[in-house]
Amino acid sequence: MIRAKARFLSLLLPAALPIGLAACSTAATYPSLAYREVERSAMPAAAEPQPAPVPLPPPTADLSTRIDGLLAVARDADRQFAGKRPAAERAVSAAAGASRTSDSWVSAQVAVSALQASRDTAVAALADLDSLYADARQAEPVEESPSAQAIDTARSQVQGLVNSQNETIAALDSRLRS
């Protein structure tokens, strides 16, 4: 039985081989890969030029007045800070090497605390400017408006004052702790 199957396959294989190889022939023509008319009509049309963007309005007088007021508050707080700084530095120098329970150390701590309290209005002005900036950016989220730019400029100035005050207080605290 196995011999009969083997003989049948040996006769069938030479007959089936040309049919199978005919499928691999390259005599046929293939369709072009170029765009067809249907595909061209489905393509998006060339984009029309966008109109020039409308310039954003400048900051209002009310906003400018508010920004100027917050800057003035921050500068006044910086002047108060600068006025209290020498006393705090003297107190910290006097407390150098003293124990934490000594009068000089406690006086230095009080002077540093008064220095920190004098910067509170500058920090509050910075917080108000941050809030104004967030509102301005929310009103014009895509591009920064002139209002947001004016607020950001003021924020940068006040942030510089606050950073300087923070550095001074940190230096005094580190001297007091050592």
Protein backbone atom coordinates (compact mmCIF):
# COMPACT_ATOMS: atom_id res chain seq x y z
CA MET A 1 0.00 0.00 0.00
CA ILE A 2 2.80 2.36 0.83
CA ARG A 3 4.48 1.51 -2.43
CA ALA A 4 1.31 2.36 -4.32
CA LYS A 5 1.09 5.78 -2.65
CA ALA A 6 4.75 6.45 -3.34
CA ARG A 7 4.32 5.52 -6.98
CA PHE A 8 1.22 7.72 -7.27
CA LEU A 9 3.09 10.70 -5.79
CA SER A 10 6.08 10.14 -8.04
CA LEU A 11 3.77 10.41 -11.05
CA LEU A 12 1.77 13.35 -9.69
CA LEU A 13 4.78 15.47 -8.64
CA PRO A 14 6.26 15.93 -12.15
CA ALA A 15 2.81 16.83 -13.48
CA ALA A 16 2.05 19.36 -10.68
CA LEU A 17 5.44 21.05 -10.76
CA PRO A 18 4.91 23.03 -14.00
CA ILE A 19 1.51 24.23 -12.79
CA GLY A 20 3.02 25.50 -9.54
CA LEU A 21 5.90 27.23 -11.33
CA ALA A 22 3.50 28.91 -13.73
CA ALA A 23 2.10 30.87 -10.77
CA CYS A 24 5.54 32.46 -10.27
CA SER A 25 5.73 33.80 -13.81
CA THR A 26 6.27 37.55 -14.43
CA ALA A 27 4.59 37.81 -17.81
CA ALA A 28 1.58 39.69 -16.41
CA THR A 29 1.33 43.51 -16.17
CA TYR A 30 0.80 45.14 -12.81
CA PRO A 31 -1.28 48.23 -11.96
CA SER A 32 0.49 51.57 -11.69
CA LEU A 33 1.32 52.90 -8.20
CA ALA A 34 0.56 56.48 -9.27
CA TYR A 35 -2.36 58.34 -7.72
CA ARG A 36 -5.72 57.62 -9.34
CA GLU A 37 -8.27 60.37 -9.96
CA VAL A 38 -10.37 59.16 -7.03
CA GLU A 39 -7.37 59.47 -4.74
CA ARG A 40 -6.52 62.94 -6.02
CA SER A 41 -10.01 64.22 -5.29
CA ALA A 42 -9.77 62.87 -1.73
CA MET A 43 -6.53 64.75 -1.03
CA PRO A 44 -6.84 67.96 1.01
CA ALA A 45 -6.68 71.15 -0.95
CA ALA A 46 -3.70 73.44 -0.52
CA ALA A 47 -4.03 75.39 2.70
CA GLU A 48 -5.19 78.93 2.29
CA PRO A 49 -2.95 81.51 3.91
CA GLN A 50 -4.09 82.41 7.39
CA PRO A 51 -4.94 86.03 8.05
CA ALA A 52 -2.46 87.95 10.17
CA PRO A 53 -3.20 87.53 13.87
CA VAL A 54 -4.97 90.38 15.55
CA PRO A 55 -2.57 92.06 17.98
CA LEU A 56 -3.57 91.67 21.59
CA PRO A 57 -4.60 94.82 23.45
CA PRO A 58 -2.09 96.50 25.77
CA PRO A 59 -2.59 96.27 29.52
CA THR A 60 -5.45 98.32 30.84
CA ALA A 61 -4.80 101.42 32.94
CA ASP A 62 -6.38 99.65 35.92
CA LEU A 63 -3.99 96.69 35.57
CA SER A 64 -0.98 98.98 35.14
CA THR A 65 -1.96 100.90 38.27
CA ARG A 66 -2.37 97.66 40.22
CA ILE A 67 1.01 96.34 39.03
CA ASP A 68 2.69 99.63 39.97
CA GLY A 69 1.05 99.51 43.40
CA LEU A 70 2.25 95.96 44.04
CA LEU A 71 5.77 96.93 42.94
CA ALA A 72 5.70 99.89 45.33
CA VAL A 73 4.57 97.63 48.20
CA ALA A 74 7.38 95.17 47.48
CA ARG A 75 10.00 97.93 47.27
CA ASP A 76 8.75 99.42 50.55
CA ALA A 77 8.99 96.00 52.18
CA ASP A 78 12.54 95.68 50.84
CA ARG A 79 13.45 99.07 52.36
CA GLN A 80 12.04 97.94 55.72
CA PHE A 81 13.99 94.70 55.40
CA ALA A 82 17.19 96.59 54.61
CA GLY A 83 16.58 98.85 57.64
CA LYS A 84 16.25 95.88 60.02
CA ARG A 85 19.10 93.86 58.51
CA PRO A 86 22.02 95.58 60.32
CA ALA A 87 20.40 95.04 63.73
CA ALA A 88 19.80 91.37 62.94
CA GLU A 89 23.39 90.92 61.74
CA ARG A 90 24.75 92.56 64.92
CA ALA A 91 22.54 90.36 67.10
CA VAL A 92 23.61 87.19 65.26
CA SER A 93 27.29 88.19 65.54
CA ALA A 94 26.84 88.80 69.28
CA ALA A 95 25.24 85.36 69.67
CA ALA A 96 28.08 83.54 67.90
CA GLY A 97 29.15 80.59 70.04
CA ALA A 98 26.48 81.24 72.68
CA SER A 99 24.17 78.49 73.91
CA ARG A 100 20.59 78.38 72.75
CA THR A 101 19.36 79.33 76.19
CA SER A 102 21.46 82.50 76.43
CA ASP A 103 19.94 85.96 76.19
CA SER A 104 22.13 86.87 73.22
CA TRP A 105 20.97 83.84 71.23
CA VAL A 106 17.31 84.57 72.02
CA SER A 107 17.79 88.24 71.06
CA ALA A 108 19.38 87.17 67.78
CA GLN A 109 16.48 84.82 67.09
CA VAL A 110 14.00 87.63 67.75
CA ALA A 111 15.93 89.97 65.43
CA VAL A 112 15.93 87.35 62.64
CA SER A 113 12.20 86.79 63.20
CA ALA A 114 11.56 90.54 62.90
CA LEU A 115 13.59 90.52 59.68
CA GLN A 116 11.44 87.68 58.33
CA ALA A 117 8.25 89.50 59.30
CA SER A 118 9.38 92.63 57.44
CA ARG A 119 9.44 90.70 54.16
CA ASP A 120 5.88 89.37 54.48
CA THR A 121 4.36 92.22 52.45
CA ALA A 122 6.85 91.59 49.61
CA VAL A 123 5.86 87.91 49.58
CA ALA A 124 2.17 88.90 49.58
CA ALA A 125 2.78 91.27 46.64
CA LEU A 126 4.53 88.42 44.79
CA ALA A 127 1.56 86.14 45.47
CA ASP A 128 -0.83 88.78 44.08
CA LEU A 129 1.33 89.16 40.96
CA ASP A 130 1.39 85.39 40.53
CA SER A 131 -2.41 85.34 40.71
CA LEU A 132 -2.69 88.17 38.17
CA TYR A 133 -0.28 86.38 35.86
CA ALA A 134 -2.23 83.12 36.10
CA ASP A 135 -5.46 84.97 35.25
CA ALA A 136 -3.82 86.74 32.29
CA ARG A 137 -2.40 83.46 30.94
CA GLN A 138 -5.74 81.75 31.34
CA ALA A 139 -7.42 84.53 29.37
CA GLU A 140 -4.85 84.15 26.53
CA PRO A 141 -3.48 80.60 26.79
CA VAL A 142 -1.95 80.40 23.31
CA GLU A 143 0.34 83.41 23.29
CA GLU A 144 1.51 85.70 26.05
CA SER A 145 -0.48 88.90 26.00
CA PRO A 146 1.03 92.33 26.68
CA SER A 147 -0.80 92.25 30.02
CA ALA A 148 0.84 88.95 30.95
CA GLN A 149 4.23 90.30 29.83
CA ALA A 150 3.85 93.40 32.02
CA ILE A 151 2.85 91.26 34.99
CA ASP A 152 5.73 88.85 34.35
CA THR A 153 8.23 91.72 34.30
CA ALA A 154 6.94 92.95 37.66
CA ARG A 155 6.95 89.39 39.03
CA SER A 156 10.61 89.01 38.05
CA GLN A 157 11.54 92.20 39.89
CA VAL A 158 9.68 91.24 43.06
CA GLN A 159 10.97 87.66 42.87
CA GLY A 160 14.51 89.06 42.77
CA LEU A 161 13.86 91.09 45.94
CA VAL A 162 12.33 88.10 47.74
CA ASN A 163 15.16 85.78 46.66
CA SER A 164 17.73 88.24 48.01
CA GLN A 165 15.85 88.46 51.30
CA ASN A 166 15.62 84.66 51.49
CA GLU A 167 19.39 84.36 51.00
CA THR A 168 20.06 86.90 53.74
CA ILE A 169 17.77 85.13 56.20
CA ALA A 170 19.24 81.72 55.36
CA ALA A 171 22.77 83.04 55.91
CA LEU A 172 21.81 84.53 59.28
CA ASP A 173 20.02 81.32 60.31
CA SER A 174 23.05 79.22 59.42
CA ARG A 175 25.35 81.52 61.41
CA LEU A 176 22.96 81.35 64.35
CA ARG A 177 22.77 77.54 64.28
CA SER A 178 26.53 76.99 64.12
